[in-house]
Amino acid sequence: MRKFKFVVYKITFPNGKIYVGQDHSMDGHSMRYFGSWNNLLVEADFTKAELSNFTVTKEILFESDDLARIYEMETSFIRELRSNDPLVGYNQTHRTRRV
């Protein structure tokens, strides 16, 4: 039986903004999965012409067979890279509460 490999990845968009997520595939490097960001949020940052020729990069930041560790590292990378800051990235979780 094959074990799952889990990864934390960073997607970089043409405007430089990033999205941090995790992948739970058999080898952890699924070519088909590029995240579950909010499409409307991303699309709002680009013109229709820009969206018609759109390239993103996917970088593996961390890999493990321990799912609990993956959740921990995803949170750590989101905070460290500030992908939850709307000026930096598209993550909607782990936002700093404003008073």
PDB file of N, CA and C in Angstrom:
ATOM      1  N   MET A   1       0.839  -1.191   0.000  1.00  0.00           N
ATOM      2  CA  MET A   1       0.000   0.000   0.000  1.00  0.00           C
ATOM      3  C   MET A   1       0.882   1.252   0.000  1.00  0.00           C
ATOM      4  N   ARG A   2       0.608   2.145  -0.896  1.00  0.00           N
ATOM      5  CA  ARG A   2       1.378   3.399  -0.980  1.00  0.00           C
ATOM      6  C   ARG A   2       0.924   4.369   0.094  1.00  0.00           C
ATOM      7  N   LYS A   3       1.881   5.062   0.653  1.00  0.00           N
ATOM      8  CA  LYS A   3       1.575   6.088   1.644  1.00  0.00           C
ATOM      9  C   LYS A   3       1.374   7.422   0.944  1.00  0.00           C
ATOM     10  N   PHE A   4       0.531   8.231   1.536  1.00  0.00           N
ATOM     11  CA  PHE A   4       0.356   9.581   1.038  1.00  0.00           C
ATOM     12  C   PHE A   4       1.558  10.423   1.415  1.00  0.00           C
ATOM     13  N   LYS A   5       1.949  11.301   0.525  1.00  0.00           N
ATOM     14  CA  LYS A   5       2.938  12.338   0.810  1.00  0.00           C
ATOM     15  C   LYS A   5       2.173  13.639   0.777  1.00  0.00           C
ATOM     16  N   PHE A   6       2.415  14.470   1.747  1.00  0.00           N
ATOM     17  CA  PHE A   6       1.743  15.755   1.836  1.00  0.00           C
ATOM     18  C   PHE A   6       2.769  16.858   1.620  1.00  0.00           C
ATOM     19  N   VAL A   7       2.341  17.924   0.977  1.00  0.00           N
ATOM     20  CA  VAL A   7       3.247  19.049   0.751  1.00  0.00           C
ATOM     21  C   VAL A   7       2.549  20.366   1.070  1.00  0.00           C
ATOM     22  N   VAL A   8       3.354  21.345   1.416  1.00  0.00           N
ATOM     23  CA  VAL A   8       2.921  22.733   1.494  1.00  0.00           C
ATOM     24  C   VAL A   8       3.580  23.422   0.308  1.00  0.00           C
ATOM     25  N   TYR A   9       2.796  24.189  -0.439  1.00  0.00           N
ATOM     26  CA  TYR A   9       3.314  24.831  -1.645  1.00  0.00           C
ATOM     27  C   TYR A   9       3.000  26.321  -1.638  1.00  0.00           C
ATOM     28  N   LYS A  10       3.692  27.025  -2.506  1.00  0.00           N
ATOM     29  CA  LYS A  10       3.424  28.453  -2.716  1.00  0.00           C
ATOM     30  C   LYS A  10       3.162  28.662  -4.200  1.00  0.00           C
ATOM     31  N   ILE A  11       2.031  29.292  -4.505  1.00  0.00           N
ATOM     32  CA  ILE A  11       1.705  29.694  -5.871  1.00  0.00           C
ATOM     33  C   ILE A  11       2.053  31.173  -6.000  1.00  0.00           C
ATOM     34  N   THR A  12       2.773  31.533  -7.052  1.00  0.00           N
ATOM     35  CA  THR A  12       3.082  32.937  -7.320  1.00  0.00           C
ATOM     36  C   THR A  12       2.375  33.342  -8.604  1.00  0.00           C
ATOM     37  N   PHE A  13       1.603  34.421  -8.518  1.00  0.00           N
ATOM     38  CA  PHE A  13       0.828  34.935  -9.641  1.00  0.00           C
ATOM     39  C   PHE A  13       1.636  35.993 -10.402  1.00  0.00           C
ATOM     40  N   PRO A  14       1.232  36.332 -11.615  1.00  0.00           N
ATOM     41  CA  PRO A  14       1.981  37.318 -12.416  1.00  0.00           C
ATOM     42  C   PRO A  14       2.139  38.685 -11.752  1.00  0.00           C
ATOM     43  N   ASN A  15       1.245  39.036 -10.850  1.00  0.00           N
ATOM     44  CA  ASN A  15       1.349  40.325 -10.166  1.00  0.00           C
ATOM     45  C   ASN A  15       2.245  40.258  -8.928  1.00  0.00           C
ATOM     46  N   GLY A  16       2.833  39.097  -8.668  1.00  0.00           N
ATOM     47  CA  GLY A  16       3.728  38.928  -7.534  1.00  0.00           C
ATOM     48  C   GLY A  16       3.046  38.467  -6.258  1.00  0.00           C
ATOM     49  N   LYS A  17       1.714  38.510  -6.231  1.00  0.00           N
ATOM     50  CA  LYS A  17       1.000  38.035  -5.047  1.00  0.00           C
ATOM     51  C   LYS A  17       1.108  36.514  -4.967  1.00  0.00           C
ATOM     52  N   ILE A  18       0.956  35.997  -3.740  1.00  0.00           N
ATOM     53  CA  ILE A  18       1.154  34.569  -3.522  1.00  0.00           C
ATOM     54  C   ILE A  18      -0.049  33.935  -2.821  1.00  0.00           C
ATOM     55  N   TYR A  19      -0.093  32.620  -2.917  1.00  0.00           N
ATOM     56  CA  TYR A  19      -1.075  31.810  -2.203  1.00  0.00           C
ATOM     57  C   TYR A  19      -0.334  30.598  -1.651  1.00  0.00           C
ATOM     58  N   VAL A  20      -0.510  30.298  -0.365  1.00  0.00           N
ATOM     59  CA  VAL A  20       0.103  29.133   0.266  1.00  0.00           C
ATOM     60  C   VAL A  20      -0.983  28.108   0.543  1.00  0.00           C
ATOM     61  N   GLY A  21      -0.721  26.861   0.180  1.00  0.00           N
ATOM     62  CA  GLY A  21      -1.694  25.804   0.402  1.00  0.00           C
ATOM     63  C   GLY A  21      -1.016  24.471   0.627  1.00  0.00           C
ATOM     64  N   GLN A  22      -1.820  23.428   0.662  1.00  0.00           N
ATOM     65  CA  GLN A  22      -1.291  22.078   0.852  1.00  0.00           C
ATOM     66  C   GLN A  22      -1.925  21.121  -0.129  1.00  0.00           C
ATOM     67  N   ASP A  23      -1.199  20.066  -0.445  1.00  0.00           N
ATOM     68  CA  ASP A  23      -1.654  19.049  -1.391  1.00  0.00           C
ATOM     69  C   ASP A  23      -1.559  17.690  -0.710  1.00  0.00           C
ATOM     70  N   HIS A  24      -2.619  16.901  -0.856  1.00  0.00           N
ATOM     71  CA  HIS A  24      -2.691  15.564  -0.256  1.00  0.00           C
ATOM     72  C   HIS A  24      -2.829  14.536  -1.365  1.00  0.00           C
ATOM     73  N   SER A  25      -1.813  14.332  -2.142  1.00  0.00           N
ATOM     74  CA  SER A  25      -1.879  13.316  -3.197  1.00  0.00           C
ATOM     75  C   SER A  25      -0.910  12.185  -2.865  1.00  0.00           C
ATOM     76  N   MET A  26      -0.948  11.144  -3.638  1.00  0.00           N
ATOM     77  CA  MET A  26      -0.111   9.974  -3.355  1.00  0.00           C
ATOM     78  C   MET A  26       1.362  10.326  -3.285  1.00  0.00           C
ATOM     79  N   ASP A  27       1.818  11.211  -4.136  1.00  0.00           N
ATOM     80  CA  ASP A  27       3.237  11.561  -4.091  1.00  0.00           C
ATOM     81  C   ASP A  27       3.458  13.002  -3.633  1.00  0.00           C
ATOM     82  N   GLY A  28       2.358  13.742  -3.389  1.00  0.00           N
ATOM     83  CA  GLY A  28       2.468  15.102  -2.894  1.00  0.00           C
ATOM     84  C   GLY A  28       2.775  16.148  -3.945  1.00  0.00           C
ATOM     85  N   HIS A  29       2.917  15.717  -5.177  1.00  0.00           N
ATOM     86  CA  HIS A  29       3.293  16.657  -6.235  1.00  0.00           C
ATOM     87  C   HIS A  29       2.303  16.575  -7.400  1.00  0.00           C
ATOM     88  N   SER A  30       1.044  16.747  -7.096  1.00  0.00           N
ATOM     89  CA  SER A  30       0.013  16.640  -8.122  1.00  0.00           C
ATOM     90  C   SER A  30       0.142  17.761  -9.143  1.00  0.00           C
ATOM     91  N   MET A  31       0.205  17.394 -10.403  1.00  0.00           N
ATOM     92  CA  MET A  31       0.260  18.379 -11.480  1.00  0.00           C
ATOM     93  C   MET A  31      -1.113  18.993 -11.726  1.00  0.00           C
ATOM     94  N   ARG A  32      -2.154  18.367 -11.236  1.00  0.00           N
ATOM     95  CA  ARG A  32      -3.511  18.843 -11.494  1.00  0.00           C
ATOM     96  C   ARG A  32      -4.014  19.822 -10.444  1.00  0.00           C
ATOM     97  N   TYR A  33      -3.383  19.848  -9.290  1.00  0.00           N
ATOM     98  CA  TYR A  33      -3.920  20.670  -8.202  1.00  0.00           C
ATOM     99  C   TYR A  33      -3.061  21.906  -7.989  1.00  0.00           C
ATOM    100  N   PHE A  34      -3.688  23.069  -8.113  1.00  0.00           N
ATOM    101  CA  PHE A  34      -2.990  24.336  -7.937  1.00  0.00           C
ATOM    102  C   PHE A  34      -3.658  25.215  -6.891  1.00  0.00           C
ATOM    103  N   GLY A  35      -4.401  24.644  -5.978  1.00  0.00           N
ATOM    104  CA  GLY A  35      -4.927  25.421  -4.872  1.00  0.00           C
ATOM    105  C   GLY A  35      -6.409  25.704  -4.942  1.00  0.00           C
ATOM    106  N   SER A  36      -6.901  26.230  -3.829  1.00  0.00           N
ATOM    107  CA  SER A  36      -8.333  26.545  -3.726  1.00  0.00           C
ATOM    108  C   SER A  36      -8.520  27.991  -3.292  1.00  0.00           C
ATOM    109  N   TRP A  37      -7.810  28.868  -3.957  1.00  0.00           N
ATOM    110  CA  TRP A  37      -7.964  30.298  -3.659  1.00  0.00           C
ATOM    111  C   TRP A  37      -9.313  30.779  -4.149  1.00  0.00           C
ATOM    112  N   ASN A  38      -9.686  31.974  -3.744  1.00  0.00           N
ATOM    113  CA  ASN A  38     -10.943  32.583  -4.157  1.00  0.00           C
ATOM    114  C   ASN A  38     -10.764  33.150  -5.569  1.00  0.00           C
ATOM    115  N   ASN A  39     -11.372  32.510  -6.554  1.00  0.00           N
ATOM    116  CA  ASN A  39     -11.214  32.921  -7.956  1.00  0.00           C
ATOM    117  C   ASN A  39     -11.611  34.372  -8.199  1.00  0.00           C
ATOM    118  N   LEU A  40     -12.710  34.806  -7.603  1.00  0.00           N
ATOM    119  CA  LEU A  40     -13.166  36.184  -7.814  1.00  0.00           C
ATOM    120  C   LEU A  40     -12.156  37.194  -7.283  1.00  0.00           C
ATOM    121  N   LEU A  41     -11.546  36.868  -6.161  1.00  0.00           N
ATOM    122  CA  LEU A  41     -10.535  37.740  -5.563  1.00  0.00           C
ATOM    123  C   LEU A  41      -9.319  37.877  -6.489  1.00  0.00           C
ATOM    124  N   VAL A  42      -8.870  36.765  -7.031  1.00  0.00           N
ATOM    125  CA  VAL A  42      -7.721  36.781  -7.942  1.00  0.00           C
ATOM    126  C   VAL A  42      -8.089  37.484  -9.248  1.00  0.00           C
ATOM    127  N   GLU A  43      -9.215  37.124  -9.829  1.00  0.00           N
ATOM    128  CA  GLU A  43      -9.630  37.719 -11.104  1.00  0.00           C
ATOM    129  C   GLU A  43      -9.777  39.228 -11.024  1.00  0.00           C
ATOM    130  N   ALA A  44     -10.153  39.750  -9.867  1.00  0.00           N
ATOM    131  CA  ALA A  44     -10.340  41.193  -9.698  1.00  0.00           C
ATOM    132  C   ALA A  44      -9.027  41.965  -9.857  1.00  0.00           C
ATOM    133  N   ASP A  45      -7.906  41.289  -9.690  1.00  0.00           N
ATOM    134  CA  ASP A  45      -6.601  41.939  -9.807  1.00  0.00           C
ATOM    135  C   ASP A  45      -6.045  41.961 -11.226  1.00  0.00           C
ATOM    136  N   PHE A  46      -6.772  41.372 -12.187  1.00  0.00           N
ATOM    137  CA  PHE A  46      -6.268  41.269 -13.553  1.00  0.00           C
ATOM    138  C   PHE A  46      -7.323  41.707 -14.566  1.00  0.00           C
ATOM    139  N   THR A  47      -6.855  42.235 -15.671  1.00  0.00           N
ATOM    140  CA  THR A  47      -7.765  42.574 -16.767  1.00  0.00           C
ATOM    141  C   THR A  47      -8.142  41.297 -17.514  1.00  0.00           C
ATOM    142  N   LYS A  48      -9.146  41.387 -18.355  1.00  0.00           N
ATOM    143  CA  LYS A  48      -9.558  40.237 -19.159  1.00  0.00           C
ATOM    144  C   LYS A  48      -8.409  39.798 -20.067  1.00  0.00           C
ATOM    145  N   ALA A  49      -7.703  40.755 -20.634  1.00  0.00           N
ATOM    146  CA  ALA A  49      -6.566  40.433 -21.501  1.00  0.00           C
ATOM    147  C   ALA A  49      -5.472  39.715 -20.713  1.00  0.00           C
ATOM    148  N   GLU A  50      -5.191  40.172 -19.503  1.00  0.00           N
ATOM    149  CA  GLU A  50      -4.167  39.522 -18.677  1.00  0.00           C
ATOM    150  C   GLU A  50      -4.578  38.097 -18.317  1.00  0.00           C
ATOM    151  N   LEU A  51      -5.855  37.891 -18.088  1.00  0.00           N
ATOM    152  CA  LEU A  51      -6.340  36.556 -17.730  1.00  0.00           C
ATOM    153  C   LEU A  51      -6.317  35.590 -18.907  1.00  0.00           C
ATOM    154  N   SER A  52      -6.247  36.106 -20.128  1.00  0.00           N
ATOM    155  CA  SER A  52      -6.249  35.224 -21.295  1.00  0.00           C
ATOM    156  C   SER A  52      -4.864  34.649 -21.594  1.00  0.00           C
ATOM    157  N   ASN A  53      -3.830  35.143 -20.930  1.00  0.00           N
ATOM    158  CA  ASN A  53      -2.483  34.571 -21.052  1.00  0.00           C
ATOM    159  C   ASN A  53      -1.857  34.649 -19.666  1.00  0.00           C
ATOM    160  N   PHE A  54      -2.125  33.643 -18.865  1.00  0.00           N
ATOM    161  CA  PHE A  54      -1.901  33.696 -17.431  1.00  0.00           C
ATOM    162  C   PHE A  54      -0.956  32.567 -17.009  1.00  0.00           C
ATOM    163  N   THR A  55       0.147  32.900 -16.376  1.00  0.00           N
ATOM    164  CA  THR A  55       1.099  31.891 -15.914  1.00  0.00           C
ATOM    165  C   THR A  55       1.324  32.035 -14.414  1.00  0.00           C
ATOM    166  N   VAL A  56       1.243  30.916 -13.707  1.00  0.00           N
ATOM    167  CA  VAL A  56       1.564  30.895 -12.285  1.00  0.00           C
ATOM    168  C   VAL A  56       2.684  29.886 -12.065  1.00  0.00           C
ATOM    169  N   THR A  57       3.408  30.039 -10.964  1.00  0.00           N
ATOM    170  CA  THR A  57       4.419  29.044 -10.602  1.00  0.00           C
ATOM    171  C   THR A  57       4.028  28.395  -9.285  1.00  0.00           C
ATOM    172  N   LYS A  58       4.386  27.132  -9.153  1.00  0.00           N
ATOM    173  CA  LYS A  58       4.099  26.368  -7.940  1.00  0.00           C
ATOM    174  C   LYS A  58       5.426  25.876  -7.383  1.00  0.00           C
ATOM    175  N   GLU A  59       5.714  26.269  -6.142  1.00  0.00           N
ATOM    176  CA  GLU A  59       6.960  25.890  -5.487  1.00  0.00           C
ATOM    177  C   GLU A  59       6.631  25.065  -4.242  1.00  0.00           C
ATOM    178  N   ILE A  60       7.253  23.911  -4.100  1.00  0.00           N
ATOM    179  CA  ILE A  60       7.061  23.087  -2.912  1.00  0.00           C
ATOM    180  C   ILE A  60       7.930  23.660  -1.795  1.00  0.00           C
ATOM    181  N   LEU A  61       7.291  24.020  -0.671  1.00  0.00           N
ATOM    182  CA  LEU A  61       8.003  24.610   0.460  1.00  0.00           C
ATOM    183  C   LEU A  61       8.358  23.591   1.535  1.00  0.00           C
ATOM    184  N   PHE A  62       7.532  22.545   1.664  1.00  0.00           N
ATOM    185  CA  PHE A  62       7.730  21.565   2.735  1.00  0.00           C
ATOM    186  C   PHE A  62       7.032  20.273   2.338  1.00  0.00           C
ATOM    187  N   GLU A  63       7.621  19.145   2.701  1.00  0.00           N
ATOM    188  CA  GLU A  63       7.070  17.837   2.371  1.00  0.00           C
ATOM    189  C   GLU A  63       7.160  16.920   3.576  1.00  0.00           C
ATOM    190  N   SER A  64       6.103  16.117   3.817  1.00  0.00           N
ATOM    191  CA  SER A  64       6.096  15.200   4.953  1.00  0.00           C
ATOM    192  C   SER A  64       5.015  14.141   4.744  1.00  0.00           C
ATOM    193  N   ASP A  65       5.123  13.046   5.480  1.00  0.00           N
ATOM    194  CA  ASP A  65       4.039  12.059   5.478  1.00  0.00           C
ATOM    195  C   ASP A  65       3.186  12.206   6.736  1.00  0.00           C
ATOM    196  N   ASP A  66       3.444  13.250   7.518  1.00  0.00           N
ATOM    197  CA  ASP A  66       2.719  13.546   8.756  1.00  0.00           C
ATOM    198  C   ASP A  66       1.731  14.696   8.501  1.00  0.00           C
ATOM    199  N   LEU A  67       0.454  14.356   8.401  1.00  0.00           N
ATOM    200  CA  LEU A  67      -0.565  15.356   8.057  1.00  0.00           C
ATOM    201  C   LEU A  67      -0.655  16.478   9.095  1.00  0.00           C
ATOM    202  N   ALA A  68      -0.534  16.152  10.365  1.00  0.00           N
ATOM    203  CA  ALA A  68      -0.587  17.194  11.408  1.00  0.00           C
ATOM    204  C   ALA A  68       0.538  18.199  11.213  1.00  0.00           C
ATOM    205  N   ARG A  69       1.698  17.715  10.847  1.00  0.00           N
ATOM    206  CA  ARG A  69       2.846  18.601  10.600  1.00  0.00           C
ATOM    207  C   ARG A  69       2.597  19.490   9.389  1.00  0.00           C
ATOM    208  N   ILE A  70       1.926  18.965   8.383  1.00  0.00           N
ATOM    209  CA  ILE A  70       1.608  19.750   7.187  1.00  0.00           C
ATOM    210  C   ILE A  70       0.704  20.921   7.549  1.00  0.00           C
ATOM    211  N   TYR A  71      -0.334  20.680   8.350  1.00  0.00           N
ATOM    212  CA  TYR A  71      -1.225  21.767   8.778  1.00  0.00           C
ATOM    213  C   TYR A  71      -0.440  22.827   9.551  1.00  0.00           C
ATOM    214  N   GLU A  72       0.446  22.368  10.425  1.00  0.00           N
ATOM    215  CA  GLU A  72       1.275  23.281  11.216  1.00  0.00           C
ATOM    216  C   GLU A  72       2.179  24.130  10.311  1.00  0.00           C
ATOM    217  N   MET A  73       2.812  23.484   9.352  1.00  0.00           N
ATOM    218  CA  MET A  73       3.741  24.195   8.470  1.00  0.00           C
ATOM    219  C   MET A  73       3.004  25.123   7.506  1.00  0.00           C
ATOM    220  N   GLU A  74       1.815  24.725   7.049  1.00  0.00           N
ATOM    221  CA  GLU A  74       1.033  25.609   6.184  1.00  0.00           C
ATOM    222  C   GLU A  74       0.739  26.915   6.926  1.00  0.00           C
ATOM    223  N   THR A  75       0.272  26.803   8.161  1.00  0.00           N
ATOM    224  CA  THR A  75      -0.012  27.985   8.972  1.00  0.00           C
ATOM    225  C   THR A  75       1.244  28.824   9.152  1.00  0.00           C
ATOM    226  N   SER A  76       2.344  28.166   9.438  1.00  0.00           N
ATOM    227  CA  SER A  76       3.612  28.869   9.638  1.00  0.00           C
ATOM    228  C   SER A  76       4.027  29.638   8.385  1.00  0.00           C
ATOM    229  N   PHE A  77       3.945  28.997   7.213  1.00  0.00           N
ATOM    230  CA  PHE A  77       4.324  29.666   5.965  1.00  0.00           C
ATOM    231  C   PHE A  77       3.370  30.804   5.610  1.00  0.00           C
ATOM    232  N   ILE A  78       2.069  30.618   5.843  1.00  0.00           N
ATOM    233  CA  ILE A  78       1.100  31.686   5.573  1.00  0.00           C
ATOM    234  C   ILE A  78       1.468  32.925   6.374  1.00  0.00           C
ATOM    235  N   ARG A  79       1.783  32.722   7.639  1.00  0.00           N
ATOM    236  CA  ARG A  79       2.134  33.866   8.498  1.00  0.00           C
ATOM    237  C   ARG A  79       3.511  34.440   8.146  1.00  0.00           C
ATOM    238  N   GLU A  80       4.491  33.572   7.946  1.00  0.00           N
ATOM    239  CA  GLU A  80       5.852  34.014   7.649  1.00  0.00           C
ATOM    240  C   GLU A  80       5.939  34.775   6.323  1.00  0.00           C
ATOM    241  N   LEU A  81       5.249  34.266   5.308  1.00  0.00           N
ATOM    242  CA  LEU A  81       5.289  34.893   3.984  1.00  0.00           C
ATOM    243  C   LEU A  81       4.246  35.996   3.828  1.00  0.00           C
ATOM    244  N   ARG A  82       3.365  36.127   4.828  1.00  0.00           N
ATOM    245  CA  ARG A  82       2.313  37.146   4.861  1.00  0.00           C
ATOM    246  C   ARG A  82       1.323  36.998   3.698  1.00  0.00           C
ATOM    247  N   SER A  83       1.093  35.778   3.257  1.00  0.00           N
ATOM    248  CA  SER A  83       0.151  35.567   2.156  1.00  0.00           C
ATOM    249  C   SER A  83      -1.282  35.827   2.575  1.00  0.00           C
ATOM    250  N   ASN A  84      -1.521  36.045   3.873  1.00  0.00           N
ATOM    251  CA  ASN A  84      -2.842  36.409   4.378  1.00  0.00           C
ATOM    252  C   ASN A  84      -3.036  37.922   4.409  1.00  0.00           C
ATOM    253  N   ASP A  85      -2.026  38.680   4.032  1.00  0.00           N
ATOM    254  CA  ASP A  85      -2.121  40.140   3.905  1.00  0.00           C
ATOM    255  C   ASP A  85      -2.601  40.433   2.480  1.00  0.00           C
ATOM    256  N   PRO A  86      -3.740  41.085   2.304  1.00  0.00           N
ATOM    257  CA  PRO A  86      -4.284  41.324   0.961  1.00  0.00           C
ATOM    258  C   PRO A  86      -3.324  42.062   0.017  1.00  0.00           C
ATOM    259  N   LEU A  87      -2.355  42.763   0.556  1.00  0.00           N
ATOM    260  CA  LEU A  87      -1.366  43.437  -0.296  1.00  0.00           C
ATOM    261  C   LEU A  87      -0.291  42.472  -0.782  1.00  0.00           C
ATOM    262  N   VAL A  88      -0.185  41.318  -0.127  1.00  0.00           N
ATOM    263  CA  VAL A  88       0.876  40.352  -0.432  1.00  0.00           C
ATOM    264  C   VAL A  88       0.332  39.088  -1.084  1.00  0.00           C
ATOM    265  N   GLY A  89      -0.840  38.633  -0.634  1.00  0.00           N
ATOM    266  CA  GLY A  89      -1.312  37.347  -1.121  1.00  0.00           C
ATOM    267  C   GLY A  89      -2.811  37.176  -1.084  1.00  0.00           C
ATOM    268  N   TYR A  90      -3.235  35.953  -1.411  1.00  0.00           N
ATOM    269  CA  TYR A  90      -4.652  35.632  -1.567  1.00  0.00           C
ATOM    270  C   TYR A  90      -5.208  34.689  -0.498  1.00  0.00           C
ATOM    271  N   ASN A  91      -4.424  34.319   0.506  1.00  0.00           N
ATOM    272  CA  ASN A  91      -4.968  33.470   1.561  1.00  0.00           C
ATOM    273  C   ASN A  91      -5.990  34.245   2.381  1.00  0.00           C
ATOM    274  N   GLN A  92      -7.116  33.620   2.632  1.00  0.00           N
ATOM    275  CA  GLN A  92      -8.196  34.243   3.394  1.00  0.00           C
ATOM    276  C   GLN A  92      -8.201  33.788   4.845  1.00  0.00           C
ATOM    277  N   THR A  93      -7.373  32.816   5.191  1.00  0.00           N
ATOM    278  CA  THR A  93      -7.301  32.319   6.562  1.00  0.00           C
ATOM    279  C   THR A  93      -6.110  32.926   7.292  1.00  0.00           C
ATOM    280  N   HIS A  94      -6.096  32.768   8.592  1.00  0.00           N
ATOM    281  CA  HIS A  94      -4.994  33.228   9.444  1.00  0.00           C
ATOM    282  C   HIS A  94      -4.804  34.738   9.348  1.00  0.00           C
ATOM    283  N   ARG A  95      -5.897  35.465   9.159  1.00  0.00           N
ATOM    284  CA  ARG A  95      -5.815  36.930   9.084  1.00  0.00           C
ATOM    285  C   ARG A  95      -5.644  37.515  10.467  1.00  0.00           C
ATOM    286  N   THR A  96      -4.884  38.589  10.555  1.00  0.00           N
ATOM    287  CA  THR A  96      -4.726  39.329  11.813  1.00  0.00           C
ATOM    288  C   THR A  96      -5.988  40.145  12.037  1.00  0.00           C
ATOM    289  N   ARG A  97      -6.540  40.025  13.213  1.00  0.00           N
ATOM    290  CA  ARG A  97      -7.751  40.790  13.540  1.00  0.00           C
ATOM    291  C   ARG A  97      -7.370  42.234  13.831  1.00  0.00           C
ATOM    292  N   ARG A  98      -8.138  43.149  13.255  1.00  0.00           N
ATOM    293  CA  ARG A  98      -7.905  44.580  13.491  1.00  0.00           C
ATOM    294  C   ARG A  98      -8.904  45.074  14.526  1.00  0.00           C
ATOM    295  N   VAL A  99      -8.439  45.911  15.431  1.00  0.00           N
ATOM    296  CA  VAL A  99      -9.294  46.445  16.506  1.00  0.00           C
ATOM    297  C   VAL A  99      -9.879  47.762  16.108  1.00  0.00           C
TER     298      VAL A  99
END
